[in-house]
Amino acid sequence: MNPLFSLGKVLIITGIAITCIGILVVLTPKLPWLGKLPGDIVIKKENFRFYFPLGTCVLISLLLTLLLYIFRR
């Protein structure tokens, strides 16, 4: 296998991934439930706010795993 061919493949996949992330960044404000799922941890005090989107991270991880499984076949 030609090493340049594999480099080209990596660059194309990276470009597609960056495009998908850009689309998600644009669409995220239109998804009000994203970031407010069950399992997201929010601690609010007087001068302190801690937010850890655990439920959102699990959902994104599952979706990415499913997509990679489909494209690897």
PDB file of N, CA and C in Angstrom:
ATOM      1  N   MET A   1       0.841  -1.174   0.000  1.00  0.00           N
ATOM      2  CA  MET A   1       0.000   0.000   0.000  1.00  0.00           C
ATOM      3  C   MET A   1       0.890   1.241   0.000  1.00  0.00           C
ATOM      4  N   ASN A   2       0.518   2.194  -0.788  1.00  0.00           N
ATOM      5  CA  ASN A   2       1.255   3.439  -0.909  1.00  0.00           C
ATOM      6  C   ASN A   2       1.037   4.301   0.343  1.00  0.00           C
ATOM      7  N   PRO A   3       2.117   4.747   1.014  1.00  0.00           N
ATOM      8  CA  PRO A   3       1.942   5.541   2.244  1.00  0.00           C
ATOM      9  C   PRO A   3       1.227   6.868   1.986  1.00  0.00           C
ATOM     10  N   LEU A   4       1.368   7.442   0.793  1.00  0.00           N
ATOM     11  CA  LEU A   4       0.679   8.687   0.500  1.00  0.00           C
ATOM     12  C   LEU A   4      -0.827   8.479   0.404  1.00  0.00           C
ATOM     13  N   PHE A   5      -1.225   7.300  -0.068  1.00  0.00           N
ATOM     14  CA  PHE A   5      -2.654   6.997  -0.160  1.00  0.00           C
ATOM     15  C   PHE A   5      -3.272   6.949   1.228  1.00  0.00           C
ATOM     16  N   SER A   6      -2.590   6.337   2.182  1.00  0.00           N
ATOM     17  CA  SER A   6      -3.136   6.270   3.534  1.00  0.00           C
ATOM     18  C   SER A   6      -3.142   7.652   4.188  1.00  0.00           C
ATOM     19  N   LEU A   7      -2.167   8.497   3.890  1.00  0.00           N
ATOM     20  CA  LEU A   7      -2.151   9.855   4.413  1.00  0.00           C
ATOM     21  C   LEU A   7      -3.329  10.646   3.847  1.00  0.00           C
ATOM     22  N   GLY A   8      -3.601  10.461   2.570  1.00  0.00           N
ATOM     23  CA  GLY A   8      -4.736  11.141   1.949  1.00  0.00           C
ATOM     24  C   GLY A   8      -6.051  10.709   2.575  1.00  0.00           C
ATOM     25  N   LYS A   9      -6.162   9.429   2.864  1.00  0.00           N
ATOM     26  CA  LYS A   9      -7.364   8.905   3.513  1.00  0.00           C
ATOM     27  C   LYS A   9      -7.552   9.531   4.896  1.00  0.00           C
ATOM     28  N   VAL A  10      -6.474   9.628   5.646  1.00  0.00           N
ATOM     29  CA  VAL A  10      -6.525  10.219   6.981  1.00  0.00           C
ATOM     30  C   VAL A  10      -6.934  11.684   6.895  1.00  0.00           C
ATOM     31  N   LEU A  11      -6.398  12.405   5.933  1.00  0.00           N
ATOM     32  CA  LEU A  11      -6.738  13.819   5.779  1.00  0.00           C
ATOM     33  C   LEU A  11      -8.209  14.005   5.404  1.00  0.00           C
ATOM     34  N   ILE A  12      -8.731  13.149   4.542  1.00  0.00           N
ATOM     35  CA  ILE A  12     -10.142  13.241   4.162  1.00  0.00           C
ATOM     36  C   ILE A  12     -11.035  12.948   5.353  1.00  0.00           C
ATOM     37  N   ILE A  13     -10.723  11.911   6.109  1.00  0.00           N
ATOM     38  CA  ILE A  13     -11.533  11.557   7.276  1.00  0.00           C
ATOM     39  C   ILE A  13     -11.463  12.659   8.326  1.00  0.00           C
ATOM     40  N   THR A  14     -10.273  13.238   8.514  1.00  0.00           N
ATOM     41  CA  THR A  14     -10.121  14.336   9.467  1.00  0.00           C
ATOM     42  C   THR A  14     -10.945  15.548   9.033  1.00  0.00           C
ATOM     43  N   GLY A  15     -10.948  15.848   7.756  1.00  0.00           N
ATOM     44  CA  GLY A  15     -11.742  16.958   7.235  1.00  0.00           C
ATOM     45  C   GLY A  15     -13.229  16.743   7.436  1.00  0.00           C
ATOM     46  N   ILE A  16     -13.690  15.522   7.204  1.00  0.00           N
ATOM     47  CA  ILE A  16     -15.104  15.198   7.411  1.00  0.00           C
ATOM     48  C   ILE A  16     -15.455  15.315   8.890  1.00  0.00           C
ATOM     49  N   ALA A  17     -14.570  14.841   9.766  1.00  0.00           N
ATOM     50  CA  ALA A  17     -14.818  14.927  11.208  1.00  0.00           C
ATOM     51  C   ALA A  17     -14.887  16.383  11.663  1.00  0.00           C
ATOM     52  N   ILE A  18     -13.990  17.227  11.176  1.00  0.00           N
ATOM     53  CA  ILE A  18     -14.003  18.637  11.553  1.00  0.00           C
ATOM     54  C   ILE A  18     -15.269  19.318  11.044  1.00  0.00           C
ATOM     55  N   THR A  19     -15.712  18.952   9.841  1.00  0.00           N
ATOM     56  CA  THR A  19     -16.955  19.502   9.300  1.00  0.00           C
ATOM     57  C   THR A  19     -18.141  19.100  10.157  1.00  0.00           C
ATOM     58  N   CYS A  20     -18.201  17.840  10.569  1.00  0.00           N
ATOM     59  CA  CYS A  20     -19.301  17.367  11.415  1.00  0.00           C
ATOM     60  C   CYS A  20     -19.297  18.083  12.765  1.00  0.00           C
ATOM     61  N   ILE A  21     -18.127  18.288  13.343  1.00  0.00           N
ATOM     62  CA  ILE A  21     -18.034  19.005  14.616  1.00  0.00           C
ATOM     63  C   ILE A  21     -18.492  20.449  14.433  1.00  0.00           C
ATOM     64  N   GLY A  22     -18.137  21.071  13.323  1.00  0.00           N
ATOM     65  CA  GLY A  22     -18.582  22.433  13.044  1.00  0.00           C
ATOM     66  C   GLY A  22     -20.090  22.524  12.916  1.00  0.00           C
ATOM     67  N   ILE A  23     -20.701  21.551  12.254  1.00  0.00           N
ATOM     68  CA  ILE A  23     -22.160  21.524  12.132  1.00  0.00           C
ATOM     69  C   ILE A  23     -22.798  21.363  13.504  1.00  0.00           C
ATOM     70  N   LEU A  24     -22.229  20.510  14.338  1.00  0.00           N
ATOM     71  CA  LEU A  24     -22.759  20.340  15.691  1.00  0.00           C
ATOM     72  C   LEU A  24     -22.660  21.620  16.510  1.00  0.00           C
ATOM     73  N   VAL A  25     -21.564  22.341  16.357  1.00  0.00           N
ATOM     74  CA  VAL A  25     -21.394  23.591  17.104  1.00  0.00           C
ATOM     75  C   VAL A  25     -22.443  24.607  16.669  1.00  0.00           C
ATOM     76  N   VAL A  26     -22.759  24.641  15.385  1.00  0.00           N
ATOM     77  CA  VAL A  26     -23.768  25.581  14.883  1.00  0.00           C
ATOM     78  C   VAL A  26     -25.163  25.182  15.349  1.00  0.00           C
ATOM     79  N   LEU A  27     -25.459  23.878  15.380  1.00  0.00           N
ATOM     80  CA  LEU A  27     -26.796  23.408  15.718  1.00  0.00           C
ATOM     81  C   LEU A  27     -27.043  23.264  17.215  1.00  0.00           C
ATOM     82  N   THR A  28     -25.999  23.231  18.025  1.00  0.00           N
ATOM     83  CA  THR A  28     -26.151  22.994  19.462  1.00  0.00           C
ATOM     84  C   THR A  28     -27.058  24.002  20.160  1.00  0.00           C
ATOM     85  N   PRO A  29     -26.986  25.298  19.863  1.00  0.00           N
ATOM     86  CA  PRO A  29     -27.920  26.217  20.542  1.00  0.00           C
ATOM     87  C   PRO A  29     -29.383  25.922  20.218  1.00  0.00           C
ATOM     88  N   LYS A  30     -29.653  25.258  19.114  1.00  0.00           N
ATOM     89  CA  LYS A  30     -31.023  24.935  18.731  1.00  0.00           C
ATOM     90  C   LYS A  30     -31.520  23.649  19.382  1.00  0.00           C
ATOM     91  N   LEU A  31     -30.655  22.970  20.120  1.00  0.00           N
ATOM     92  CA  LEU A  31     -31.028  21.748  20.832  1.00  0.00           C
ATOM     93  C   LEU A  31     -31.040  22.057  22.325  1.00  0.00           C
ATOM     94  N   PRO A  32     -32.163  22.520  22.867  1.00  0.00           N
ATOM     95  CA  PRO A  32     -32.179  22.963  24.268  1.00  0.00           C
ATOM     96  C   PRO A  32     -31.974  21.832  25.276  1.00  0.00           C
ATOM     97  N   TRP A  33     -32.253  20.592  24.902  1.00  0.00           N
ATOM     98  CA  TRP A  33     -32.111  19.471  25.823  1.00  0.00           C
ATOM     99  C   TRP A  33     -30.665  19.024  25.951  1.00  0.00           C
ATOM    100  N   LEU A  34     -29.821  19.392  24.984  1.00  0.00           N
ATOM    101  CA  LEU A  34     -28.422  18.978  25.033  1.00  0.00           C
ATOM    102  C   LEU A  34     -27.711  19.760  26.128  1.00  0.00           C
ATOM    103  N   GLY A  35     -27.150  19.057  27.096  1.00  0.00           N
ATOM    104  CA  GLY A  35     -26.503  19.689  28.232  1.00  0.00           C
ATOM    105  C   GLY A  35     -27.392  19.732  29.459  1.00  0.00           C
ATOM    106  N   LYS A  36     -28.636  19.295  29.305  1.00  0.00           N
ATOM    107  CA  LYS A  36     -29.565  19.266  30.437  1.00  0.00           C
ATOM    108  C   LYS A  36     -30.181  17.879  30.571  1.00  0.00           C
ATOM    109  N   LEU A  37     -29.415  16.868  30.255  1.00  0.00           N
ATOM    110  CA  LEU A  37     -29.906  15.499  30.332  1.00  0.00           C
ATOM    111  C   LEU A  37     -29.819  14.972  31.754  1.00  0.00           C
ATOM    112  N   PRO A  38     -30.601  13.936  32.063  1.00  0.00           N
ATOM    113  CA  PRO A  38     -30.447  13.305  33.379  1.00  0.00           C
ATOM    114  C   PRO A  38     -29.017  12.753  33.513  1.00  0.00           C
ATOM    115  N   GLY A  39     -28.409  12.995  34.611  1.00  0.00           N
ATOM    116  CA  GLY A  39     -27.032  12.554  34.819  1.00  0.00           C
ATOM    117  C   GLY A  39     -26.034  13.688  34.707  1.00  0.00           C
ATOM    118  N   ASP A  40     -26.441  14.820  34.151  1.00  0.00           N
ATOM    119  CA  ASP A  40     -25.565  15.991  34.119  1.00  0.00           C
ATOM    120  C   ASP A  40     -25.498  16.579  35.523  1.00  0.00           C
ATOM    121  N   ILE A  41     -24.302  16.839  35.990  1.00  0.00           N
ATOM    122  CA  ILE A  41     -24.093  17.290  37.367  1.00  0.00           C
ATOM    123  C   ILE A  41     -23.927  18.807  37.387  1.00  0.00           C
ATOM    124  N   VAL A  42     -24.765  19.483  38.172  1.00  0.00           N
ATOM    125  CA  VAL A  42     -24.688  20.939  38.328  1.00  0.00           C
ATOM    126  C   VAL A  42     -24.696  21.241  39.824  1.00  0.00           C
ATOM    127  N   ILE A  43     -23.664  21.948  40.284  1.00  0.00           N
ATOM    128  CA  ILE A  43     -23.578  22.378  41.685  1.00  0.00           C
ATOM    129  C   ILE A  43     -23.462  23.892  41.676  1.00  0.00           C
ATOM    130  N   LYS A  44     -24.433  24.556  42.291  1.00  0.00           N
ATOM    131  CA  LYS A  44     -24.435  26.022  42.342  1.00  0.00           C
ATOM    132  C   LYS A  44     -24.335  26.475  43.792  1.00  0.00           C
ATOM    133  N   LYS A  45     -23.382  27.336  44.067  1.00  0.00           N
ATOM    134  CA  LYS A  45     -23.221  27.984  45.374  1.00  0.00           C
ATOM    135  C   LYS A  45     -23.253  29.490  45.141  1.00  0.00           C
ATOM    136  N   GLU A  46     -22.961  30.271  46.150  1.00  0.00           N
ATOM    137  CA  GLU A  46     -23.017  31.727  45.998  1.00  0.00           C
ATOM    138  C   GLU A  46     -22.056  32.233  44.923  1.00  0.00           C
ATOM    139  N   ASN A  47     -20.780  31.955  45.070  1.00  0.00           N
ATOM    140  CA  ASN A  47     -19.778  32.446  44.128  1.00  0.00           C
ATOM    141  C   ASN A  47     -19.124  31.318  43.341  1.00  0.00           C
ATOM    142  N   PHE A  48     -19.837  30.219  43.187  1.00  0.00           N
ATOM    143  CA  PHE A  48     -19.239  29.041  42.566  1.00  0.00           C
ATOM    144  C   PHE A  48     -20.300  28.286  41.774  1.00  0.00           C
ATOM    145  N   ARG A  49     -19.908  27.837  40.595  1.00  0.00           N
ATOM    146  CA  ARG A  49     -20.799  27.008  39.800  1.00  0.00           C
ATOM    147  C   ARG A  49     -19.969  25.921  39.132  1.00  0.00           C
ATOM    148  N   PHE A  50     -20.347  24.674  39.354  1.00  0.00           N
ATOM    149  CA  PHE A  50     -19.655  23.536  38.764  1.00  0.00           C
ATOM    150  C   PHE A  50     -20.636  22.791  37.881  1.00  0.00           C
ATOM    151  N   TYR A  51     -20.223  22.530  36.653  1.00  0.00           N
ATOM    152  CA  TYR A  51     -21.077  21.834  35.700  1.00  0.00           C
ATOM    153  C   TYR A  51     -20.275  20.737  35.034  1.00  0.00           C
ATOM    154  N   PHE A  52     -20.766  19.502  35.128  1.00  0.00           N
ATOM    155  CA  PHE A  52     -20.130  18.380  34.459  1.00  0.00           C
ATOM    156  C   PHE A  52     -21.203  17.603  33.709  1.00  0.00           C
ATOM    157  N   PRO A  53     -21.197  17.670  32.369  1.00  0.00           N
ATOM    158  CA  PRO A  53     -22.254  17.041  31.572  1.00  0.00           C
ATOM    159  C   PRO A  53     -22.029  15.539  31.382  1.00  0.00           C
ATOM    160  N   LEU A  54     -22.173  14.775  32.446  1.00  0.00           N
ATOM    161  CA  LEU A  54     -21.911  13.343  32.387  1.00  0.00           C
ATOM    162  C   LEU A  54     -22.892  12.622  31.459  1.00  0.00           C
ATOM    163  N   GLY A  55     -24.179  12.910  31.581  1.00  0.00           N
ATOM    164  CA  GLY A  55     -25.181  12.274  30.722  1.00  0.00           C
ATOM    165  C   GLY A  55     -24.969  12.619  29.260  1.00  0.00           C
ATOM    166  N   THR A  56     -24.628  13.864  28.972  1.00  0.00           N
ATOM    167  CA  THR A  56     -24.370  14.297  27.605  1.00  0.00           C
ATOM    168  C   THR A  56     -23.127  13.604  27.049  1.00  0.00           C
ATOM    169  N   CYS A  57     -22.096  13.457  27.863  1.00  0.00           N
ATOM    170  CA  CYS A  57     -20.871  12.773  27.427  1.00  0.00           C
ATOM    171  C   CYS A  57     -21.151  11.314  27.087  1.00  0.00           C
ATOM    172  N   VAL A  58     -21.967  10.657  27.891  1.00  0.00           N
ATOM    173  CA  VAL A  58     -22.308   9.251  27.636  1.00  0.00           C
ATOM    174  C   VAL A  58     -23.094   9.141  26.332  1.00  0.00           C
ATOM    175  N   LEU A  59     -24.050  10.046  26.097  1.00  0.00           N
ATOM    176  CA  LEU A  59     -24.841  10.024  24.876  1.00  0.00           C
ATOM    177  C   LEU A  59     -23.966  10.241  23.649  1.00  0.00           C
ATOM    178  N   ILE A  60     -23.079  11.222  23.703  1.00  0.00           N
ATOM    179  CA  ILE A  60     -22.187  11.487  22.574  1.00  0.00           C
ATOM    180  C   ILE A  60     -21.253  10.310  22.339  1.00  0.00           C
ATOM    181  N   SER A  61     -20.763   9.702  23.399  1.00  0.00           N
ATOM    182  CA  SER A  61     -19.892   8.544  23.269  1.00  0.00           C
ATOM    183  C   SER A  61     -20.611   7.372  22.596  1.00  0.00           C
ATOM    184  N   LEU A  62     -21.850   7.131  22.999  1.00  0.00           N
ATOM    185  CA  LEU A  62     -22.625   6.053  22.380  1.00  0.00           C
ATOM    186  C   LEU A  62     -22.880   6.320  20.900  1.00  0.00           C
ATOM    187  N   LEU A  63     -23.216   7.559  20.560  1.00  0.00           N
ATOM    188  CA  LEU A  63     -23.462   7.896  19.154  1.00  0.00           C
ATOM    189  C   LEU A  63     -22.201   7.762  18.312  1.00  0.00           C
ATOM    190  N   LEU A  64     -21.080   8.231  18.834  1.00  0.00           N
ATOM    191  CA  LEU A  64     -19.818   8.100  18.087  1.00  0.00           C
ATOM    192  C   LEU A  64     -19.394   6.645  17.942  1.00  0.00           C
ATOM    193  N   THR A  65     -19.609   5.854  18.981  1.00  0.00           N
ATOM    194  CA  THR A  65     -19.285   4.429  18.901  1.00  0.00           C
ATOM    195  C   THR A  65     -20.128   3.744  17.838  1.00  0.00           C
ATOM    196  N   LEU A  66     -21.410   4.064  17.796  1.00  0.00           N
ATOM    197  CA  LEU A  66     -22.297   3.487  16.795  1.00  0.00           C
ATOM    198  C   LEU A  66     -21.885   3.904  15.386  1.00  0.00           C
ATOM    199  N   LEU A  67     -21.563   5.186  15.200  1.00  0.00           N
ATOM    200  CA  LEU A  67     -21.133   5.653  13.883  1.00  0.00           C
ATOM    201  C   LEU A  67     -19.841   4.989  13.436  1.00  0.00           C
ATOM    202  N   LEU A  68     -18.877   4.896  14.341  1.00  0.00           N
ATOM    203  CA  LEU A  68     -17.610   4.237  13.974  1.00  0.00           C
ATOM    204  C   LEU A  68     -17.807   2.771  13.692  1.00  0.00           C
ATOM    205  N   TYR A  69     -18.703   2.109  14.408  1.00  0.00           N
ATOM    206  CA  TYR A  69     -18.992   0.702  14.156  1.00  0.00           C
ATOM    207  C   TYR A  69     -19.597   0.530  12.759  1.00  0.00           C
ATOM    208  N   ILE A  70     -20.497   1.428  12.396  1.00  0.00           N
ATOM    209  CA  ILE A  70     -21.141   1.334  11.079  1.00  0.00           C
ATOM    210  C   ILE A  70     -20.135   1.593   9.966  1.00  0.00           C
ATOM    211  N   PHE A  71     -19.258   2.598  10.127  1.00  0.00           N
ATOM    212  CA  PHE A  71     -18.317   2.937   9.062  1.00  0.00           C
ATOM    213  C   PHE A  71     -17.130   1.972   8.987  1.00  0.00           C
ATOM    214  N   ARG A  72     -16.848   1.240  10.038  1.00  0.00           N
ATOM    215  CA  ARG A  72     -15.740   0.274  10.025  1.00  0.00           C
ATOM    216  C   ARG A  72     -16.103  -1.017   9.295  1.00  0.00           C
ATOM    217  N   ARG A  73     -17.376  -1.295   9.148  1.00  0.00           N
ATOM    218  CA  ARG A  73     -17.810  -2.538   8.509  1.00  0.00           C
ATOM    219  C   ARG A  73     -17.535  -2.541   7.053  1.00  0.00           C
TER     220      ARG A  73
END
